[in-house]
Amino acid sequence: MPRPSSFLDPRRTIFIGGVPRPRKASELALFSEVFMAQFAMQALMSTQK
């Protein structure tokens, strides 16, 4: 539910624990892409055992 007095729009805000400073959307997208690729690779390797 949006609040006009709020600085951040909660509908367009995500929380990422442990991020030491504000990040740009492009940085988050790159991080997500790399992380998901590593996760997928590990999942594939674990199913081949």
C-alpha atoms as a PDB file:
ATOM      1  CA  MET A   1       0.000   0.000   0.000  1.00  0.00           C
ATOM      2  CA  PRO A   2       1.685   3.275  -1.079  1.00  0.00           C
ATOM      3  CA  ARG A   3       2.178   6.040   1.450  1.00  0.00           C
ATOM      4  CA  PRO A   4       2.619   9.560   0.039  1.00  0.00           C
ATOM      5  CA  SER A   5       4.827  10.624   2.971  1.00  0.00           C
ATOM      6  CA  SER A   6       7.236   7.744   2.401  1.00  0.00           C
ATOM      7  CA  PHE A   7      10.518   8.411   0.546  1.00  0.00           C
ATOM      8  CA  LEU A   8      10.582   4.949  -1.068  1.00  0.00           C
ATOM      9  CA  ASP A   9       7.683   3.430  -2.942  1.00  0.00           C
ATOM     10  CA  PRO A  10       7.226  -0.016  -1.323  1.00  0.00           C
ATOM     11  CA  ARG A  11       5.844  -1.418  -4.592  1.00  0.00           C
ATOM     12  CA  ARG A  12       9.141  -0.661  -6.311  1.00  0.00           C
ATOM     13  CA  THR A  13      11.528  -1.431  -3.477  1.00  0.00           C
ATOM     14  CA  ILE A  14      13.287  -4.673  -2.649  1.00  0.00           C
ATOM     15  CA  PHE A  15      15.355  -5.498   0.418  1.00  0.00           C
ATOM     16  CA  ILE A  16      18.597  -7.364  -0.023  1.00  0.00           C
ATOM     17  CA  GLY A  17      20.168  -8.194   3.306  1.00  0.00           C
ATOM     18  CA  GLY A  18      23.829  -7.442   3.719  1.00  0.00           C
ATOM     19  CA  VAL A  19      24.184  -4.945   0.868  1.00  0.00           C
ATOM     20  CA  PRO A  20      26.658  -2.415   2.282  1.00  0.00           C
ATOM     21  CA  ARG A  21      25.597   0.517   0.115  1.00  0.00           C
ATOM     22  CA  PRO A  22      22.874   1.526  -2.326  1.00  0.00           C
ATOM     23  CA  ARG A  23      23.078  -0.341  -5.612  1.00  0.00           C
ATOM     24  CA  LYS A  24      21.943   0.501  -9.106  1.00  0.00           C
ATOM     25  CA  ALA A  25      19.386  -1.743 -10.763  1.00  0.00           C
ATOM     26  CA  SER A  26      21.977  -2.726 -13.381  1.00  0.00           C
ATOM     27  CA  GLU A  27      24.381  -3.888 -10.658  1.00  0.00           C
ATOM     28  CA  LEU A  28      21.648  -5.963  -9.021  1.00  0.00           C
ATOM     29  CA  ALA A  29      20.673  -7.459 -12.382  1.00  0.00           C
ATOM     30  CA  LEU A  30      24.272  -8.459 -13.101  1.00  0.00           C
ATOM     31  CA  PHE A  31      24.674  -9.960  -9.629  1.00  0.00           C
ATOM     32  CA  SER A  32      21.413 -11.880  -9.987  1.00  0.00           C
ATOM     33  CA  GLU A  33      22.430 -13.209 -13.403  1.00  0.00           C
ATOM     34  CA  VAL A  34      25.823 -14.418 -12.163  1.00  0.00           C
ATOM     35  CA  PHE A  35      24.377 -15.900  -8.965  1.00  0.00           C
ATOM     36  CA  MET A  36      21.604 -17.737 -10.784  1.00  0.00           C
ATOM     37  CA  ALA A  37      24.065 -19.147 -13.343  1.00  0.00           C
ATOM     38  CA  GLN A  38      26.275 -20.492 -10.537  1.00  0.00           C
ATOM     39  CA  PHE A  39      23.253 -21.917  -8.728  1.00  0.00           C
ATOM     40  CA  ALA A  40      21.992 -23.634 -11.888  1.00  0.00           C
ATOM     41  CA  MET A  41      25.435 -25.101 -12.607  1.00  0.00           C
ATOM     42  CA  GLN A  42      25.716 -26.509  -9.073  1.00  0.00           C
ATOM     43  CA  ALA A  43      22.212 -27.959  -9.310  1.00  0.00           C
ATOM     44  CA  LEU A  44      23.062 -29.686 -12.600  1.00  0.00           C
ATOM     45  CA  MET A  45      26.316 -31.058 -11.236  1.00  0.00           C
ATOM     46  CA  SER A  46      24.643 -32.424  -8.105  1.00  0.00           C
ATOM     47  CA  THR A  47      22.048 -34.317 -10.169  1.00  0.00           C
ATOM     48  CA  GLN A  48      24.773 -36.048 -12.206  1.00  0.00           C
ATOM     49  CA  LYS A  49      26.331 -37.760  -9.168  1.00  0.00           C
END
